[in-house]
């Protein structure tokens, strides 16, 4: 009888602790749905730490990325989209939004890779094609700028050398 009570107590405690995790996830989802993104991020983070189910942790990572995107913290959003993708998030929009966040964070080379990965799974998507086109155009502009800056530097060095030899 004594062992039965101990086992029963253990089961009750285990049941309440698992309810706590799902409760935090539901609270986070509610906060997310009503636009309380900062509160939702904290609740998702707490739920994710305590959650053992990998699928739910993957969903929490994606949801945190969505919250960070909504508040304009694109670097953190990119981090959590990457986390969700690494965990196997099945919807390709995670890859698209990851590319968008990288582009917003001025990480153009990584963004281009992600746009291409997204276009492999969703060929011809106009948003991804536009993002890819913008990033490639930025790379060309950057190279032209660096070339011009290099030429200007060479001209300045030649002038400095000329002035040093002919005071």
Foldseek 3Di string as FASTA:
>chain_A
DVVVVVVVVVVVVVVVVVVVLVVLVVVLVVCVVVLVLVSSLVSLVVSLVSDPDLVSVLVSLQSNLVSCVVVPVLVSSLVSLVVSVVSPPPDLVSLVSNLVSCVVVVVLVVSLVSLVVSCVVVPPDPVSVVSNVVSVVVVVVVVVVVVVVVVVVVVVVVVVVVVVVPD
